[in-house]
């Protein structure tokens, strides 16, 4: 399914909130030579990760994502503040599409508090360590997509399985943060200090 059409935008989030990163691919390319047809077989593809480095393509009728245009930028963020990662996709000569996550589960937004010169911790890498021994690395970046930028506050799922965080701050400092699931907050804040 990932080979049906060229990919311009690629973004990662845990859309099904199972604790494993998923991918979305913005597809299609229309400007071809006069003797070639448009490369338009993609409708945008959601791939669910299994935590072992494998991804399974989700058919459009199950994913709820059907974009027939020439897709370009893709970004994720919690656009309606419900604790679920949503998806926005732009198109050439077409409208921007927003897909609100319909999962019955929700997660918590991760916030970093860095120094005054970099209060959001841009450039940091956060290692999320889980009770089963697995880990996930989240990069806090500005930009990184094809004319698009995802939220700097990723959504963490399966928070009852999180053991701790290891933050690699810009400049080389590393801090450890144990996680206490007992908090009722919808946010997780990790401070440099």
N, C-alpha and C. Protein backbone atom coordinates (compact mmCIF):
# COMPACT_ATOMS: atom_id res chain seq x y z
N UNK A 1 0.82 -1.21 0.00
CA UNK A 1 0.00 0.00 0.00
C UNK A 1 0.86 1.27 0.00
N UNK A 2 2.01 1.20 0.64
CA UNK A 2 2.89 2.36 0.71
C UNK A 2 3.56 2.66 -0.63
N UNK A 3 3.49 1.75 -1.59
CA UNK A 3 4.13 1.92 -2.88
C UNK A 3 3.18 2.40 -3.97
N UNK A 4 1.93 2.65 -3.64
CA UNK A 4 0.94 3.03 -4.66
C UNK A 4 1.23 4.38 -5.29
N UNK A 5 1.83 5.31 -4.55
CA UNK A 5 2.05 6.67 -5.05
C UNK A 5 3.24 7.30 -4.33
N UNK A 6 3.87 8.33 -4.95
CA UNK A 6 4.98 9.01 -4.29
C UNK A 6 4.53 9.67 -2.99
N UNK A 7 5.47 9.85 -2.08
CA UNK A 7 5.18 10.43 -0.77
C UNK A 7 5.92 11.76 -0.63
N UNK A 8 5.21 12.80 -0.20
CA UNK A 8 5.83 14.10 0.08
C UNK A 8 5.88 14.36 1.57
N UNK A 9 4.78 14.19 2.25
CA UNK A 9 4.73 14.44 3.69
C UNK A 9 4.74 13.14 4.45
N UNK A 10 5.48 13.12 5.56
CA UNK A 10 5.53 11.95 6.42
C UNK A 10 5.54 12.44 7.86
N UNK A 11 4.63 11.93 8.67
CA UNK A 11 4.53 12.38 10.06
C UNK A 11 4.23 11.18 10.95
N UNK A 12 4.75 11.24 12.17
CA UNK A 12 4.59 10.14 13.12
C UNK A 12 3.83 10.60 14.36
N UNK A 13 2.94 9.75 14.85
CA UNK A 13 2.22 9.94 16.12
C UNK A 13 1.61 8.59 16.47
N UNK A 14 1.11 8.47 17.67
CA UNK A 14 0.43 7.24 18.09
C UNK A 14 -1.07 7.46 17.95
N UNK A 15 -1.57 7.39 16.71
CA UNK A 15 -2.97 7.73 16.45
C UNK A 15 -3.95 6.73 17.07
N UNK A 16 -3.59 5.47 17.15
CA UNK A 16 -4.53 4.51 17.77
C UNK A 16 -4.27 4.35 19.27
N UNK A 17 -3.32 5.12 19.82
CA UNK A 17 -3.06 5.21 21.25
C UNK A 17 -2.82 3.84 21.89
N UNK A 18 -2.02 3.01 21.20
CA UNK A 18 -1.68 1.69 21.72
C UNK A 18 -0.28 1.64 22.32
N UNK A 19 0.42 2.79 22.34
CA UNK A 19 1.76 2.85 22.89
C UNK A 19 2.86 2.69 21.86
N UNK A 20 2.50 2.49 20.58
CA UNK A 20 3.50 2.33 19.52
C UNK A 20 3.32 3.43 18.47
N UNK A 21 4.43 4.02 18.00
CA UNK A 21 4.33 5.07 16.98
C UNK A 21 3.74 4.55 15.67
N UNK A 22 2.91 5.38 15.05
CA UNK A 22 2.31 5.11 13.74
C UNK A 22 2.84 6.15 12.76
N UNK A 23 2.57 5.95 11.48
CA UNK A 23 3.00 6.89 10.44
C UNK A 23 1.82 7.28 9.57
N UNK A 24 1.88 8.51 9.03
CA UNK A 24 0.95 8.92 7.98
C UNK A 24 1.78 9.42 6.81
N UNK A 25 1.40 9.00 5.60
CA UNK A 25 2.09 9.40 4.38
C UNK A 25 1.16 10.22 3.50
N UNK A 26 1.57 11.46 3.19
CA UNK A 26 0.84 12.30 2.23
C UNK A 26 1.35 11.93 0.84
N UNK A 27 0.45 11.57 -0.06
CA UNK A 27 0.83 10.96 -1.33
C UNK A 27 0.40 11.77 -2.56
N UNK A 28 0.84 11.29 -3.71
CA UNK A 28 0.48 11.72 -5.07
C UNK A 28 1.39 12.81 -5.61
N UNK A 29 1.51 12.81 -6.95
CA UNK A 29 2.31 13.80 -7.67
C UNK A 29 1.70 13.97 -9.04
N UNK A 30 1.17 15.17 -9.33
CA UNK A 30 0.43 15.38 -10.57
C UNK A 30 1.26 15.90 -11.74
N UNK A 31 2.22 16.82 -11.54
CA UNK A 31 2.89 17.41 -12.71
C UNK A 31 3.83 16.41 -13.39
N UNK A 32 3.37 15.84 -14.49
CA UNK A 32 4.13 14.86 -15.26
C UNK A 32 4.34 15.38 -16.68
N UNK A 33 5.19 14.71 -17.44
CA UNK A 33 5.35 15.02 -18.85
C UNK A 33 4.04 14.78 -19.57
N UNK A 34 3.91 15.38 -20.74
CA UNK A 34 2.65 15.25 -21.50
C UNK A 34 2.29 13.80 -21.81
N UNK A 35 3.28 12.95 -21.96
CA UNK A 35 2.99 11.56 -22.32
C UNK A 35 2.88 10.64 -21.10
N UNK A 36 2.87 11.21 -19.90
CA UNK A 36 2.76 10.39 -18.68
C UNK A 36 1.51 10.80 -17.91
N UNK A 37 0.92 9.87 -17.24
CA UNK A 37 -0.28 10.17 -16.45
C UNK A 37 0.10 10.63 -15.05
N UNK A 38 -0.86 11.22 -14.36
CA UNK A 38 -0.65 11.66 -12.98
C UNK A 38 -0.37 10.44 -12.10
N UNK A 39 0.44 10.64 -11.07
CA UNK A 39 0.68 9.62 -10.07
C UNK A 39 -0.29 9.89 -8.92
N UNK A 40 -1.50 9.31 -9.04
CA UNK A 40 -2.60 9.68 -8.15
C UNK A 40 -3.30 8.48 -7.50
N UNK A 41 -2.59 7.40 -7.27
CA UNK A 41 -3.21 6.20 -6.71
C UNK A 41 -3.33 6.25 -5.19
N UNK A 42 -2.72 7.24 -4.53
CA UNK A 42 -2.77 7.32 -3.08
C UNK A 42 -3.88 8.22 -2.59
N UNK A 43 -4.45 7.88 -1.44
CA UNK A 43 -5.47 8.71 -0.81
C UNK A 43 -5.00 9.21 0.56
N UNK A 44 -3.66 9.11 0.79
CA UNK A 44 -3.12 9.35 2.12
C UNK A 44 -3.15 8.02 2.84
N UNK A 45 -2.04 7.63 3.43
CA UNK A 45 -1.97 6.29 4.01
C UNK A 45 -1.56 6.35 5.47
N UNK A 46 -2.38 5.74 6.31
CA UNK A 46 -2.08 5.57 7.73
C UNK A 46 -1.49 4.18 7.92
N UNK A 47 -0.34 4.12 8.60
CA UNK A 47 0.33 2.86 8.88
C UNK A 47 0.44 2.71 10.40
N UNK A 48 -0.13 1.64 10.94
CA UNK A 48 -0.03 1.39 12.38
C UNK A 48 1.24 0.61 12.68
N UNK A 49 2.01 1.09 13.68
CA UNK A 49 3.21 0.41 14.11
C UNK A 49 2.90 -0.66 15.14
N UNK A 50 3.72 -1.71 15.14
CA UNK A 50 3.50 -2.81 16.09
C UNK A 50 4.52 -2.82 17.21
N UNK A 51 5.40 -1.82 17.27
CA UNK A 51 6.41 -1.75 18.31
C UNK A 51 7.66 -2.54 18.02
N UNK A 52 7.67 -3.29 16.91
CA UNK A 52 8.84 -4.08 16.53
C UNK A 52 9.50 -3.57 15.27
N UNK A 53 9.10 -2.37 14.82
CA UNK A 53 9.65 -1.81 13.60
C UNK A 53 8.85 -2.14 12.36
N UNK A 54 7.74 -2.83 12.52
CA UNK A 54 6.88 -3.18 11.40
C UNK A 54 5.65 -2.28 11.39
N UNK A 55 5.14 -2.00 10.19
CA UNK A 55 3.97 -1.16 10.03
C UNK A 55 2.97 -1.84 9.11
N UNK A 56 1.69 -1.69 9.42
CA UNK A 56 0.62 -2.27 8.63
C UNK A 56 -0.23 -1.14 8.06
N UNK A 57 -0.42 -1.13 6.73
CA UNK A 57 -1.24 -0.13 6.08
C UNK A 57 -2.71 -0.33 6.44
N UNK A 58 -3.39 0.76 6.80
CA UNK A 58 -4.81 0.70 7.15
C UNK A 58 -5.61 1.21 5.95
N UNK A 59 -6.51 0.38 5.41
CA UNK A 59 -7.31 0.81 4.26
C UNK A 59 -8.09 2.09 4.57
N UNK A 60 -8.28 2.90 3.55
CA UNK A 60 -8.91 4.22 3.73
C UNK A 60 -10.28 4.13 4.39
N UNK A 61 -11.08 3.12 4.05
CA UNK A 61 -12.42 3.04 4.62
C UNK A 61 -12.37 2.72 6.12
N UNK A 62 -11.29 2.14 6.61
CA UNK A 62 -11.15 1.88 8.04
C UNK A 62 -10.47 3.04 8.76
N UNK A 63 -9.51 3.69 8.09
CA UNK A 63 -8.80 4.81 8.69
C UNK A 63 -9.65 6.08 8.70
N UNK A 64 -10.60 6.19 7.77
CA UNK A 64 -11.41 7.39 7.66
C UNK A 64 -10.69 8.52 6.97
N UNK A 65 -9.58 8.22 6.29
CA UNK A 65 -8.80 9.24 5.60
C UNK A 65 -8.86 8.95 4.10
N UNK A 66 -9.47 9.87 3.36
CA UNK A 66 -9.58 9.73 1.90
C UNK A 66 -9.32 11.10 1.28
N UNK A 67 -8.11 11.29 0.78
CA UNK A 67 -7.73 12.55 0.17
C UNK A 67 -7.35 12.25 -1.28
N UNK A 68 -8.16 12.70 -2.22
CA UNK A 68 -7.94 12.36 -3.62
C UNK A 68 -7.04 13.35 -4.34
N UNK A 69 -6.65 14.42 -3.69
CA UNK A 69 -5.83 15.44 -4.33
C UNK A 69 -4.34 15.17 -4.21
N UNK A 70 -3.58 16.18 -4.60
CA UNK A 70 -2.12 16.12 -4.56
C UNK A 70 -1.65 16.59 -3.18
N UNK A 71 -1.49 15.63 -2.28
CA UNK A 71 -1.17 15.92 -0.89
C UNK A 71 0.28 16.37 -0.75
N UNK A 72 0.53 17.23 0.21
CA UNK A 72 1.89 17.72 0.41
C UNK A 72 2.28 17.66 1.89
N UNK A 73 2.07 18.75 2.64
CA UNK A 73 2.47 18.78 4.03
C UNK A 73 1.53 17.99 4.92
N UNK A 74 2.07 17.41 5.99
CA UNK A 74 1.26 16.71 6.99
C UNK A 74 1.83 17.01 8.36
N UNK A 75 0.96 17.23 9.32
CA UNK A 75 1.39 17.54 10.69
C UNK A 75 0.40 16.96 11.68
N UNK A 76 0.87 16.77 12.89
CA UNK A 76 0.01 16.25 13.95
C UNK A 76 0.03 17.19 15.14
N UNK A 77 -1.04 17.19 15.88
CA UNK A 77 -1.19 17.98 17.09
C UNK A 77 -2.57 17.71 17.66
N UNK A 78 -2.80 18.13 18.86
CA UNK A 78 -4.11 17.96 19.50
C UNK A 78 -4.92 19.22 19.24
N UNK A 79 -5.56 19.29 18.08
CA UNK A 79 -6.21 20.51 17.63
C UNK A 79 -7.46 20.86 18.42
N UNK A 80 -8.12 19.88 19.04
CA UNK A 80 -9.33 20.16 19.81
C UNK A 80 -9.15 19.90 21.30
N UNK A 81 -7.90 19.76 21.76
CA UNK A 81 -7.57 19.61 23.18
C UNK A 81 -8.33 18.49 23.89
N UNK A 82 -8.40 17.32 23.23
CA UNK A 82 -9.07 16.19 23.87
C UNK A 82 -8.10 15.07 24.27
N UNK A 83 -6.78 15.35 24.18
CA UNK A 83 -5.79 14.36 24.58
C UNK A 83 -5.54 13.30 23.53
N UNK A 84 -5.90 13.59 22.27
CA UNK A 84 -5.70 12.64 21.17
C UNK A 84 -4.96 13.34 20.03
N UNK A 85 -3.99 12.66 19.40
CA UNK A 85 -3.29 13.29 18.27
C UNK A 85 -4.19 13.34 17.04
N UNK A 86 -4.34 14.53 16.48
CA UNK A 86 -5.12 14.73 15.27
C UNK A 86 -4.17 14.90 14.09
N UNK A 87 -4.71 14.99 12.88
CA UNK A 87 -3.90 15.05 11.67
C UNK A 87 -4.40 16.17 10.77
N UNK A 88 -3.47 16.96 10.23
CA UNK A 88 -3.81 17.97 9.23
C UNK A 88 -2.93 17.70 8.00
N UNK A 89 -3.56 17.78 6.81
CA UNK A 89 -2.86 17.51 5.55
C UNK A 89 -3.18 18.62 4.57
N UNK A 90 -2.14 19.18 3.94
CA UNK A 90 -2.34 20.21 2.93
C UNK A 90 -2.24 19.59 1.54
N UNK A 91 -2.78 20.32 0.54
CA UNK A 91 -2.77 19.85 -0.84
C UNK A 91 -2.38 20.99 -1.77
N UNK A 92 -1.79 20.64 -2.91
CA UNK A 92 -1.62 21.60 -3.99
C UNK A 92 -2.98 21.78 -4.66
N UNK A 93 -3.37 23.02 -4.87
CA UNK A 93 -4.63 23.34 -5.56
C UNK A 93 -5.82 22.65 -4.93
N UNK A 94 -5.81 22.49 -3.62
CA UNK A 94 -6.93 21.87 -2.92
C UNK A 94 -6.96 22.33 -1.48
N UNK A 95 -8.06 22.06 -0.83
CA UNK A 95 -8.25 22.49 0.55
C UNK A 95 -7.42 21.69 1.55
N UNK A 96 -7.14 22.33 2.66
CA UNK A 96 -6.45 21.66 3.77
C UNK A 96 -7.46 20.77 4.48
N UNK A 97 -7.03 19.56 4.83
CA UNK A 97 -7.89 18.59 5.49
C UNK A 97 -7.49 18.43 6.95
N UNK A 98 -8.46 18.45 7.84
CA UNK A 98 -8.23 18.21 9.26
C UNK A 98 -9.02 16.97 9.66
N UNK A 99 -8.31 16.01 10.26
CA UNK A 99 -8.94 14.77 10.72
C UNK A 99 -8.80 14.71 12.23
N UNK A 100 -9.93 14.79 12.93
CA UNK A 100 -9.93 14.71 14.39
C UNK A 100 -9.98 13.25 14.80
N UNK A 101 -9.12 12.87 15.71
CA UNK A 101 -8.99 11.50 16.17
C UNK A 101 -10.27 11.07 16.89
N UNK A 102 -10.83 9.93 16.49
CA UNK A 102 -12.08 9.43 17.05
C UNK A 102 -11.87 8.28 18.04
N UNK A 103 -10.64 8.06 18.47
CA UNK A 103 -10.35 6.98 19.40
C UNK A 103 -11.13 7.16 20.70
N UNK A 104 -11.47 6.06 21.34
CA UNK A 104 -12.15 6.13 22.63
C UNK A 104 -11.16 6.36 23.77
N UNK A 105 -9.87 6.18 23.51
CA UNK A 105 -8.83 6.42 24.50
C UNK A 105 -8.28 7.83 24.35
N UNK A 106 -7.56 8.28 25.35
CA UNK A 106 -6.86 9.56 25.25
C UNK A 106 -5.53 9.43 25.97
N UNK A 107 -4.67 10.40 25.73
CA UNK A 107 -3.35 10.41 26.34
C UNK A 107 -3.11 11.72 27.06
N UNK A 108 -1.84 12.02 27.29
CA UNK A 108 -1.45 13.25 27.96
C UNK A 108 -0.42 13.98 27.13
N UNK A 109 -0.53 15.32 27.10
CA UNK A 109 0.44 16.15 26.37
C UNK A 109 1.71 16.28 27.17
N UNK A 110 2.83 16.20 26.46
CA UNK A 110 4.14 16.37 27.08
C UNK A 110 4.64 17.79 26.86
N UNK A 111 5.02 18.45 27.94
CA UNK A 111 5.58 19.80 27.89
C UNK A 111 6.98 19.77 28.48
N UNK A 112 7.92 20.43 27.82
CA UNK A 112 9.25 20.62 28.38
C UNK A 112 9.38 22.07 28.83
N UNK A 113 10.07 22.27 29.96
CA UNK A 113 10.36 23.62 30.45
C UNK A 113 11.87 23.77 30.49
N UNK A 114 12.40 24.45 29.48
CA UNK A 114 13.84 24.64 29.38
C UNK A 114 14.28 25.97 29.93
N UNK A 115 15.50 26.40 29.60
CA UNK A 115 16.02 27.68 30.08
C UNK A 115 15.32 28.85 29.39
N UNK A 116 15.56 30.05 29.89
CA UNK A 116 14.90 31.26 29.37
C UNK A 116 15.13 31.43 27.87
N UNK A 117 16.31 31.07 27.38
CA UNK A 117 16.61 31.23 25.96
C UNK A 117 15.92 30.17 25.09
N UNK A 118 15.44 29.11 25.69
CA UNK A 118 14.77 28.03 24.96
C UNK A 118 13.71 27.40 25.87
N UNK A 119 12.65 28.15 26.18
CA UNK A 119 11.68 27.70 27.18
C UNK A 119 10.92 26.42 26.82
N UNK A 120 10.79 26.11 25.53
CA UNK A 120 10.07 24.90 25.12
C UNK A 120 10.98 23.69 24.92
N UNK A 121 12.27 23.88 25.12
CA UNK A 121 13.19 22.75 24.99
C UNK A 121 13.37 22.27 23.56
N UNK A 122 13.25 23.18 22.58
CA UNK A 122 13.43 22.78 21.18
C UNK A 122 14.81 22.17 20.98
N UNK A 123 14.86 21.07 20.27
CA UNK A 123 16.11 20.36 20.04
C UNK A 123 16.36 19.24 21.02
N UNK A 124 15.49 19.10 22.01
CA UNK A 124 15.65 18.03 23.00
C UNK A 124 15.13 16.70 22.46
N UNK A 125 15.66 15.63 23.01
CA UNK A 125 15.16 14.28 22.74
C UNK A 125 14.70 13.70 24.07
N UNK A 126 13.50 13.12 24.08
CA UNK A 126 12.93 12.56 25.29
C UNK A 126 12.81 11.05 25.10
N UNK A 127 13.49 10.30 25.97
CA UNK A 127 13.38 8.84 25.95
C UNK A 127 12.29 8.46 26.95
N UNK A 128 11.21 7.87 26.45
CA UNK A 128 10.10 7.42 27.29
C UNK A 128 10.35 5.95 27.60
N UNK A 129 10.59 5.64 28.87
CA UNK A 129 10.88 4.26 29.28
C UNK A 129 9.62 3.65 29.87
N UNK A 130 9.29 2.44 29.36
CA UNK A 130 8.05 1.78 29.79
C UNK A 130 8.36 0.58 30.69
N UNK A 131 7.37 0.18 31.45
CA UNK A 131 7.52 -0.90 32.43
C UNK A 131 7.89 -2.24 31.80
N UNK A 132 7.54 -2.45 30.54
CA UNK A 132 7.85 -3.72 29.88
C UNK A 132 9.27 -3.76 29.31
N UNK A 133 10.06 -2.72 29.57
CA UNK A 133 11.44 -2.67 29.09
C UNK A 133 11.61 -1.97 27.75
N UNK A 134 10.52 -1.64 27.08
CA UNK A 134 10.63 -0.94 25.79
C UNK A 134 10.82 0.56 26.04
N UNK A 135 11.25 1.25 25.02
CA UNK A 135 11.41 2.70 25.12
C UNK A 135 11.08 3.33 23.77
N UNK A 136 10.81 4.61 23.80
CA UNK A 136 10.47 5.38 22.61
C UNK A 136 11.20 6.71 22.71
N UNK A 137 11.71 7.21 21.61
CA UNK A 137 12.40 8.50 21.60
C UNK A 137 11.54 9.52 20.86
N UNK A 138 11.26 10.62 21.53
CA UNK A 138 10.51 11.72 20.93
C UNK A 138 11.45 12.90 20.75
N UNK A 139 11.45 13.49 19.55
CA UNK A 139 12.27 14.67 19.28
C UNK A 139 11.38 15.90 19.31
N UNK A 140 11.81 16.91 20.05
CA UNK A 140 11.06 18.16 20.14
C UNK A 140 11.71 19.14 19.16
N UNK A 141 11.07 19.34 18.02
CA UNK A 141 11.68 20.14 16.95
C UNK A 141 10.68 21.16 16.41
N UNK A 142 11.22 22.20 15.79
CA UNK A 142 10.42 23.18 15.06
C UNK A 142 10.69 22.93 13.58
N UNK A 143 9.65 22.64 12.84
CA UNK A 143 9.81 22.30 11.43
C UNK A 143 9.98 20.82 11.25
N UNK A 144 10.62 20.43 10.17
CA UNK A 144 10.90 19.03 9.94
C UNK A 144 10.02 18.37 8.92
N UNK A 145 8.94 19.00 8.51
CA UNK A 145 8.05 18.42 7.51
C UNK A 145 8.11 19.22 6.23
N UNK A 146 7.43 18.73 5.21
CA UNK A 146 7.34 19.44 3.93
C UNK A 146 6.40 20.62 4.11
N UNK A 147 6.96 21.81 4.29
CA UNK A 147 6.19 23.02 4.56
C UNK A 147 5.18 22.81 5.68
N UNK A 148 5.58 22.10 6.71
CA UNK A 148 4.66 21.82 7.81
C UNK A 148 5.45 21.62 9.10
N UNK A 149 4.76 21.77 10.21
CA UNK A 149 5.36 21.59 11.52
C UNK A 149 4.34 20.98 12.45
N UNK A 150 4.69 19.86 13.06
CA UNK A 150 3.81 19.25 14.05
C UNK A 150 3.95 19.99 15.38
N UNK A 151 3.03 19.72 16.27
CA UNK A 151 3.06 20.33 17.60
C UNK A 151 4.34 19.95 18.33
N UNK A 152 4.84 20.87 19.15
CA UNK A 152 6.01 20.57 19.97
C UNK A 152 5.60 19.88 21.27
N UNK A 153 4.31 19.58 21.41
CA UNK A 153 3.79 18.89 22.59
C UNK A 153 3.16 17.56 22.16
N UNK A 154 3.98 16.50 22.03
CA UNK A 154 3.43 15.21 21.60
C UNK A 154 2.48 14.63 22.64
N UNK A 155 1.58 13.77 22.16
CA UNK A 155 0.64 13.07 23.03
C UNK A 155 1.25 11.73 23.43
N UNK A 156 1.28 11.46 24.72
CA UNK A 156 1.77 10.18 25.23
C UNK A 156 0.58 9.30 25.56
N UNK A 157 0.61 8.08 25.06
CA UNK A 157 -0.47 7.13 25.32
C UNK A 157 -0.01 6.06 26.29
N UNK A 158 -0.94 5.25 26.73
CA UNK A 158 -0.62 4.15 27.65
C UNK A 158 0.23 4.67 28.81
N UNK A 159 -0.18 5.80 29.40
CA UNK A 159 0.64 6.43 30.42
C UNK A 159 0.77 5.59 31.68
N UNK A 160 -0.15 4.66 31.91
CA UNK A 160 -0.03 3.79 33.08
C UNK A 160 1.16 2.83 32.95
N UNK A 161 1.72 2.72 31.75
CA UNK A 161 2.87 1.85 31.52
C UNK A 161 4.20 2.60 31.53
N UNK A 162 4.15 3.93 31.68
CA UNK A 162 5.39 4.73 31.66
C UNK A 162 6.08 4.61 33.02
N UNK A 163 7.35 4.34 32.98
CA UNK A 163 8.17 4.23 34.18
C UNK A 163 8.91 5.54 34.46
N UNK A 164 9.57 6.08 33.42
CA UNK A 164 10.35 7.30 33.61
C UNK A 164 10.66 7.95 32.27
N UNK A 165 11.26 9.13 32.36
CA UNK A 165 11.69 9.89 31.19
C UNK A 165 13.17 10.23 31.34
N UNK A 166 13.88 10.21 30.23
CA UNK A 166 15.27 10.68 30.18
C UNK A 166 15.31 11.76 29.11
N UNK A 167 15.62 12.98 29.52
CA UNK A 167 15.61 14.11 28.58
C UNK A 167 17.04 14.49 28.24
N UNK A 168 17.34 14.48 26.95
CA UNK A 168 18.64 14.93 26.43
C UNK A 168 18.43 16.35 25.91
N UNK A 169 18.82 17.32 26.72
CA UNK A 169 18.60 18.72 26.41
C UNK A 169 19.64 19.23 25.42
N UNK A 170 19.30 20.25 24.62
CA UNK A 170 20.32 20.88 23.78
C UNK A 170 21.46 21.38 24.67
N UNK A 171 22.67 21.19 24.24
CA UNK A 171 23.81 21.58 25.06
C UNK A 171 24.44 20.41 25.80
N UNK A 172 23.75 19.25 25.79
CA UNK A 172 24.35 18.05 26.34
C UNK A 172 23.88 17.59 27.71
N UNK A 173 23.15 18.41 28.44
CA UNK A 173 22.70 17.99 29.77
C UNK A 173 21.63 16.91 29.65
N UNK A 174 21.69 15.91 30.54
CA UNK A 174 20.71 14.82 30.57
C UNK A 174 20.05 14.81 31.95
N UNK A 175 18.73 14.81 31.97
CA UNK A 175 18.00 14.74 33.24
C UNK A 175 17.09 13.52 33.24
N UNK A 176 16.90 12.95 34.44
CA UNK A 176 16.01 11.79 34.63
C UNK A 176 14.78 12.25 35.40
N UNK A 177 13.62 11.73 35.00
CA UNK A 177 12.37 12.12 35.64
C UNK A 177 11.50 10.89 35.84
N UNK A 178 11.31 10.44 37.09
CA UNK A 178 10.38 9.34 37.32
C UNK A 178 8.96 9.81 37.01
N UNK A 179 8.09 8.88 36.66
CA UNK A 179 6.72 9.25 36.33
C UNK A 179 5.77 8.72 37.38
N UNK A 180 4.88 9.58 37.84
CA UNK A 180 3.86 9.20 38.81
C UNK A 180 2.51 9.29 38.12
N UNK A 181 1.90 8.16 37.84
CA UNK A 181 0.62 8.12 37.14
C UNK A 181 -0.50 8.69 37.99
N UNK A 182 -0.29 8.85 39.27
CA UNK A 182 -1.34 9.29 40.18
C UNK A 182 -1.86 10.69 39.91
N UNK A 183 -1.14 11.49 39.15
CA UNK A 183 -1.60 12.85 38.89
C UNK A 183 -2.82 12.86 37.97
N UNK A 184 -3.75 13.76 38.22
CA UNK A 184 -4.96 13.87 37.41
C UNK A 184 -4.80 14.82 36.24
N UNK A 185 -3.67 15.48 36.13
CA UNK A 185 -3.44 16.44 35.07
C UNK A 185 -3.45 15.77 33.70
N UNK A 186 -3.91 16.50 32.70
CA UNK A 186 -3.89 16.01 31.33
C UNK A 186 -2.56 16.34 30.66
N UNK A 187 -1.62 16.89 31.44
CA UNK A 187 -0.32 17.26 30.90
C UNK A 187 0.79 16.61 31.74
N UNK A 188 1.92 16.38 31.12
CA UNK A 188 3.13 15.95 31.80
C UNK A 188 4.18 17.02 31.53
N UNK A 189 4.72 17.61 32.58
CA UNK A 189 5.69 18.69 32.42
C UNK A 189 7.03 18.23 32.99
N UNK A 190 8.08 18.32 32.15
CA UNK A 190 9.43 17.96 32.56
C UNK A 190 10.28 19.22 32.56
N UNK A 191 10.90 19.53 33.70
CA UNK A 191 11.66 20.75 33.87
C UNK A 191 13.16 20.47 33.80
N UNK A 192 13.90 21.39 33.20
CA UNK A 192 15.35 21.29 33.16
C UNK A 192 15.94 21.44 34.55
N UNK A 193 15.35 22.29 35.38
CA UNK A 193 15.91 22.61 36.70
C UNK A 193 15.46 21.61 37.74
